[in-house]
Amino acid sequence: MAHWYLVLLVSFVVMLVGLSIHWTVVLAGALLPLVPLVTLLLRRRRRNAAQKNAGEGN
């Protein structure tokens, strides 16, 4: 009888591991398209800050 509890426990753990991997991949896939947008915005912010600093120095 205890063998079935062990089998159920192992299957439950495997299911939880699979679900966590699944949702990690889903979240990574959902956030991955935002990376170029964020880098573009950061690059633009740095360029604007550099132009302001260059303008204040003259």
PDB file of N, CA and C in Angstrom:
ATOM      1  N   MET A   1       0.818  -1.201   0.000  1.00  0.00           N
ATOM      2  CA  MET A   1       0.000   0.000   0.000  1.00  0.00           C
ATOM      3  C   MET A   1       0.856   1.257   0.000  1.00  0.00           C
ATOM      4  N   ALA A   2       1.938   1.250   0.738  1.00  0.00           N
ATOM      5  CA  ALA A   2       2.790   2.437   0.789  1.00  0.00           C
ATOM      6  C   ALA A   2       3.472   2.693  -0.542  1.00  0.00           C
ATOM      7  N   HIS A   3       3.604   1.652  -1.346  1.00  0.00           N
ATOM      8  CA  HIS A   3       4.244   1.806  -2.652  1.00  0.00           C
ATOM      9  C   HIS A   3       3.452   2.760  -3.533  1.00  0.00           C
ATOM     10  N   TRP A   4       2.130   2.696  -3.480  1.00  0.00           N
ATOM     11  CA  TRP A   4       1.313   3.571  -4.306  1.00  0.00           C
ATOM     12  C   TRP A   4       1.441   5.033  -3.871  1.00  0.00           C
ATOM     13  N   TYR A   5       1.571   5.274  -2.590  1.00  0.00           N
ATOM     14  CA  TYR A   5       1.777   6.643  -2.118  1.00  0.00           C
ATOM     15  C   TYR A   5       3.097   7.193  -2.633  1.00  0.00           C
ATOM     16  N   LEU A   6       4.117   6.360  -2.663  1.00  0.00           N
ATOM     17  CA  LEU A   6       5.411   6.782  -3.189  1.00  0.00           C
ATOM     18  C   LEU A   6       5.319   7.090  -4.683  1.00  0.00           C
ATOM     19  N   VAL A   7       4.613   6.260  -5.411  1.00  0.00           N
ATOM     20  CA  VAL A   7       4.426   6.485  -6.847  1.00  0.00           C
ATOM     21  C   VAL A   7       3.647   7.780  -7.074  1.00  0.00           C
ATOM     22  N   LEU A   8       2.611   8.006  -6.298  1.00  0.00           N
ATOM     23  CA  LEU A   8       1.844   9.244  -6.435  1.00  0.00           C
ATOM     24  C   LEU A   8       2.680  10.464  -6.081  1.00  0.00           C
ATOM     25  N   LEU A   9       3.496  10.341  -5.054  1.00  0.00           N
ATOM     26  CA  LEU A   9       4.369  11.449  -4.665  1.00  0.00           C
ATOM     27  C   LEU A   9       5.375  11.765  -5.759  1.00  0.00           C
ATOM     28  N   VAL A  10       5.989  10.744  -6.328  1.00  0.00           N
ATOM     29  CA  VAL A  10       6.966  10.954  -7.396  1.00  0.00           C
ATOM     30  C   VAL A  10       6.292  11.568  -8.617  1.00  0.00           C
ATOM     31  N   SER A  11       5.117  11.102  -8.978  1.00  0.00           N
ATOM     32  CA  SER A  11       4.421  11.656 -10.136  1.00  0.00           C
ATOM     33  C   SER A  11       4.008  13.104  -9.882  1.00  0.00           C
ATOM     34  N   PHE A  12       3.623  13.414  -8.665  1.00  0.00           N
ATOM     35  CA  PHE A  12       3.262  14.793  -8.328  1.00  0.00           C
ATOM     36  C   PHE A  12       4.479  15.713  -8.419  1.00  0.00           C
ATOM     37  N   VAL A  13       5.622  15.248  -7.942  1.00  0.00           N
ATOM     38  CA  VAL A  13       6.847  16.041  -8.014  1.00  0.00           C
ATOM     39  C   VAL A  13       7.252  16.255  -9.468  1.00  0.00           C
ATOM     40  N   VAL A  14       7.164  15.201 -10.276  1.00  0.00           N
ATOM     41  CA  VAL A  14       7.495  15.322 -11.702  1.00  0.00           C
ATOM     42  C   VAL A  14       6.550  16.301 -12.386  1.00  0.00           C
ATOM     43  N   MET A  15       5.283  16.261 -12.024  1.00  0.00           N
ATOM     44  CA  MET A  15       4.313  17.185 -12.607  1.00  0.00           C
ATOM     45  C   MET A  15       4.644  18.628 -12.212  1.00  0.00           C
ATOM     46  N   LEU A  16       4.998  18.861 -10.954  1.00  0.00           N
ATOM     47  CA  LEU A  16       5.339  20.211 -10.519  1.00  0.00           C
ATOM     48  C   LEU A  16       6.600  20.726 -11.209  1.00  0.00           C
ATOM     49  N   VAL A  17       7.582  19.863 -11.375  1.00  0.00           N
ATOM     50  CA  VAL A  17       8.808  20.261 -12.076  1.00  0.00           C
ATOM     51  C   VAL A  17       8.482  20.606 -13.529  1.00  0.00           C
ATOM     52  N   GLY A  18       7.664  19.798 -14.158  1.00  0.00           N
ATOM     53  CA  GLY A  18       7.276  20.067 -15.547  1.00  0.00           C
ATOM     54  C   GLY A  18       6.503  21.363 -15.688  1.00  0.00           C
ATOM     55  N   LEU A  19       5.609  21.630 -14.757  1.00  0.00           N
ATOM     56  CA  LEU A  19       4.844  22.880 -14.821  1.00  0.00           C
ATOM     57  C   LEU A  19       5.732  24.097 -14.588  1.00  0.00           C
ATOM     58  N   SER A  20       6.689  23.976 -13.678  1.00  0.00           N
ATOM     59  CA  SER A  20       7.583  25.113 -13.436  1.00  0.00           C
ATOM     60  C   SER A  20       8.463  25.373 -14.651  1.00  0.00           C
ATOM     61  N   ILE A  21       8.944  24.315 -15.299  1.00  0.00           N
ATOM     62  CA  ILE A  21       9.734  24.506 -16.527  1.00  0.00           C
ATOM     63  C   ILE A  21       8.860  25.118 -17.619  1.00  0.00           C
ATOM     64  N   HIS A  22       7.639  24.628 -17.744  1.00  0.00           N
ATOM     65  CA  HIS A  22       6.730  25.153 -18.763  1.00  0.00           C
ATOM     66  C   HIS A  22       6.491  26.650 -18.574  1.00  0.00           C
ATOM     67  N   TRP A  23       6.160  27.065 -17.361  1.00  0.00           N
ATOM     68  CA  TRP A  23       5.855  28.475 -17.142  1.00  0.00           C
ATOM     69  C   TRP A  23       7.106  29.353 -17.222  1.00  0.00           C
ATOM     70  N   THR A  24       8.272  28.800 -16.905  1.00  0.00           N
ATOM     71  CA  THR A  24       9.507  29.553 -17.090  1.00  0.00           C
ATOM     72  C   THR A  24       9.736  29.828 -18.569  1.00  0.00           C
ATOM     73  N   VAL A  25       9.519  28.827 -19.401  1.00  0.00           N
ATOM     74  CA  VAL A  25       9.687  29.008 -20.851  1.00  0.00           C
ATOM     75  C   VAL A  25       8.639  29.967 -21.390  1.00  0.00           C
ATOM     76  N   VAL A  26       7.408  29.868 -20.920  1.00  0.00           N
ATOM     77  CA  VAL A  26       6.350  30.773 -21.384  1.00  0.00           C
ATOM     78  C   VAL A  26       6.684  32.215 -21.011  1.00  0.00           C
ATOM     79  N   LEU A  27       7.114  32.453 -19.771  1.00  0.00           N
ATOM     80  CA  LEU A  27       7.456  33.814 -19.352  1.00  0.00           C
ATOM     81  C   LEU A  27       8.667  34.348 -20.106  1.00  0.00           C
ATOM     82  N   ALA A  28       9.663  33.502 -20.311  1.00  0.00           N
ATOM     83  CA  ALA A  28      10.829  33.940 -21.078  1.00  0.00           C
ATOM     84  C   ALA A  28      10.430  34.287 -22.501  1.00  0.00           C
ATOM     85  N   GLY A  29       9.574  33.497 -23.099  1.00  0.00           N
ATOM     86  CA  GLY A  29       9.113  33.787 -24.455  1.00  0.00           C
ATOM     87  C   GLY A  29       8.272  35.046 -24.529  1.00  0.00           C
ATOM     88  N   ALA A  30       7.541  35.334 -23.478  1.00  0.00           N
ATOM     89  CA  ALA A  30       6.717  36.543 -23.475  1.00  0.00           C
ATOM     90  C   ALA A  30       7.567  37.786 -23.251  1.00  0.00           C
ATOM     91  N   LEU A  31       8.636  37.681 -22.462  1.00  0.00           N
ATOM     92  CA  LEU A  31       9.471  38.837 -22.155  1.00  0.00           C
ATOM     93  C   LEU A  31      10.587  39.061 -23.168  1.00  0.00           C
ATOM     94  N   LEU A  32      10.959  38.029 -23.904  1.00  0.00           N
ATOM     95  CA  LEU A  32      12.072  38.132 -24.839  1.00  0.00           C
ATOM     96  C   LEU A  32      11.864  39.194 -25.924  1.00  0.00           C
ATOM     97  N   PRO A  33      10.668  39.359 -26.487  1.00  0.00           N
ATOM     98  CA  PRO A  33      10.498  40.425 -27.484  1.00  0.00           C
ATOM     99  C   PRO A  33      10.667  41.836 -26.917  1.00  0.00           C
ATOM    100  N   LEU A  34      10.590  41.993 -25.604  1.00  0.00           N
ATOM    101  CA  LEU A  34      10.729  43.320 -25.010  1.00  0.00           C
ATOM    102  C   LEU A  34      12.186  43.747 -24.855  1.00  0.00           C
ATOM    103  N   VAL A  35      13.120  42.822 -24.972  1.00  0.00           N
ATOM    104  CA  VAL A  35      14.531  43.140 -24.772  1.00  0.00           C
ATOM    105  C   VAL A  35      15.034  44.173 -25.781  1.00  0.00           C
ATOM    106  N   PRO A  36      14.767  44.038 -27.091  1.00  0.00           N
ATOM    107  CA  PRO A  36      15.231  45.086 -28.016  1.00  0.00           C
ATOM    108  C   PRO A  36      14.625  46.458 -27.729  1.00  0.00           C
ATOM    109  N   LEU A  37      13.378  46.479 -27.307  1.00  0.00           N
ATOM    110  CA  LEU A  37      12.733  47.750 -26.983  1.00  0.00           C
ATOM    111  C   LEU A  37      13.410  48.419 -25.790  1.00  0.00           C
ATOM    112  N   VAL A  38      13.699  47.648 -24.760  1.00  0.00           N
ATOM    113  CA  VAL A  38      14.352  48.199 -23.574  1.00  0.00           C
ATOM    114  C   VAL A  38      15.755  48.693 -23.913  1.00  0.00           C
ATOM    115  N   THR A  39      16.496  47.935 -24.701  1.00  0.00           N
ATOM    116  CA  THR A  39      17.843  48.387 -25.074  1.00  0.00           C
ATOM    117  C   THR A  39      17.780  49.646 -25.927  1.00  0.00           C
ATOM    118  N   LEU A  40      16.799  49.741 -26.803  1.00  0.00           N
ATOM    119  CA  LEU A  40      16.645  50.955 -27.612  1.00  0.00           C
ATOM    120  C   LEU A  40      16.363  52.162 -26.723  1.00  0.00           C
ATOM    121  N   LEU A  41      15.466  52.001 -25.756  1.00  0.00           N
ATOM    122  CA  LEU A  41      15.132  53.114 -24.870  1.00  0.00           C
ATOM    123  C   LEU A  41      16.327  53.516 -24.007  1.00  0.00           C
ATOM    124  N   LEU A  42      17.079  52.541 -23.519  1.00  0.00           N
ATOM    125  CA  LEU A  42      18.262  52.865 -22.717  1.00  0.00           C
ATOM    126  C   LEU A  42      19.322  53.571 -23.551  1.00  0.00           C
ATOM    127  N   ARG A  43      19.533  53.112 -24.786  1.00  0.00           N
ATOM    128  CA  ARG A  43      20.507  53.757 -25.664  1.00  0.00           C
ATOM    129  C   ARG A  43      20.091  55.198 -25.965  1.00  0.00           C
ATOM    130  N   ARG A  44      18.792  55.409 -26.208  1.00  0.00           N
ATOM    131  CA  ARG A  44      18.302  56.755 -26.495  1.00  0.00           C
ATOM    132  C   ARG A  44      18.458  57.673 -25.278  1.00  0.00           C
ATOM    133  N   ARG A  45      18.199  57.124 -24.081  1.00  0.00           N
ATOM    134  CA  ARG A  45      18.341  57.917 -22.859  1.00  0.00           C
ATOM    135  C   ARG A  45      19.796  58.319 -22.631  1.00  0.00           C
ATOM    136  N   ARG A  46      20.726  57.369 -22.861  1.00  0.00           N
ATOM    137  CA  ARG A  46      22.147  57.689 -22.702  1.00  0.00           C
ATOM    138  C   ARG A  46      22.596  58.735 -23.709  1.00  0.00           C
ATOM    139  N   ARG A  47      22.117  58.616 -24.962  1.00  0.00           N
ATOM    140  CA  ARG A  47      22.502  59.576 -25.990  1.00  0.00           C
ATOM    141  C   ARG A  47      21.974  60.967 -25.639  1.00  0.00           C
ATOM    142  N   ASN A  48      20.743  61.044 -25.164  1.00  0.00           N
ATOM    143  CA  ASN A  48      20.188  62.346 -24.784  1.00  0.00           C
ATOM    144  C   ASN A  48      20.932  62.938 -23.593  1.00  0.00           C
ATOM    145  N   ALA A  49      21.312  62.104 -22.633  1.00  0.00           N
ATOM    146  CA  ALA A  49      22.059  62.595 -21.480  1.00  0.00           C
ATOM    147  C   ALA A  49      23.441  63.087 -21.907  1.00  0.00           C
ATOM    148  N   ALA A  50      24.077  62.388 -22.834  1.00  0.00           N
ATOM    149  CA  ALA A  50      25.385  62.811 -23.324  1.00  0.00           C
ATOM    150  C   ALA A  50      25.276  64.129 -24.085  1.00  0.00           C
ATOM    151  N   GLN A  51      24.224  64.319 -24.849  1.00  0.00           N
ATOM    152  CA  GLN A  51      24.033  65.570 -25.581  1.00  0.00           C
ATOM    153  C   GLN A  51      23.775  66.722 -24.614  1.00  0.00           C
ATOM    154  N   LYS A  52      23.025  66.460 -23.540  1.00  0.00           N
ATOM    155  CA  LYS A  52      22.802  67.511 -22.546  1.00  0.00           C
ATOM    156  C   LYS A  52      24.098  67.900 -21.858  1.00  0.00           C
ATOM    157  N   ASN A  53      24.899  66.902 -21.488  1.00  0.00           N
ATOM    158  CA  ASN A  53      26.167  67.185 -20.831  1.00  0.00           C
ATOM    159  C   ASN A  53      27.126  67.912 -21.767  1.00  0.00           C
ATOM    160  N   ALA A  54      27.115  67.597 -23.032  1.00  0.00           N
ATOM    161  CA  ALA A  54      27.967  68.275 -24.005  1.00  0.00           C
ATOM    162  C   ALA A  54      27.501  69.712 -24.201  1.00  0.00           C
ATOM    163  N   GLY A  55      26.207  69.931 -24.153  1.00  0.00           N
ATOM    164  CA  GLY A  55      25.675  71.275 -24.302  1.00  0.00           C
ATOM    165  C   GLY A  55      25.954  72.149 -23.096  1.00  0.00           C
ATOM    166  N   GLU A  56      25.997  71.599 -21.916  1.00  0.00           N
ATOM    167  CA  GLU A  56      26.277  72.360 -20.703  1.00  0.00           C
ATOM    168  C   GLU A  56      27.758  72.709 -20.605  1.00  0.00           C
ATOM    169  N   GLY A  57      28.596  71.876 -21.190  1.00  0.00           N
ATOM    170  CA  GLY A  57      30.045  72.094 -21.103  1.00  0.00           C
ATOM    171  C   GLY A  57      30.499  73.259 -21.977  1.00  0.00           C
ATOM    172  N   ASN A  58      29.763  73.590 -23.037  1.00  0.00           N
ATOM    173  CA  ASN A  58      30.192  74.677 -23.948  1.00  0.00           C
ATOM    174  C   ASN A  58      29.800  75.999 -23.429  1.00  0.00           C
TER     175      ASN A  58
END
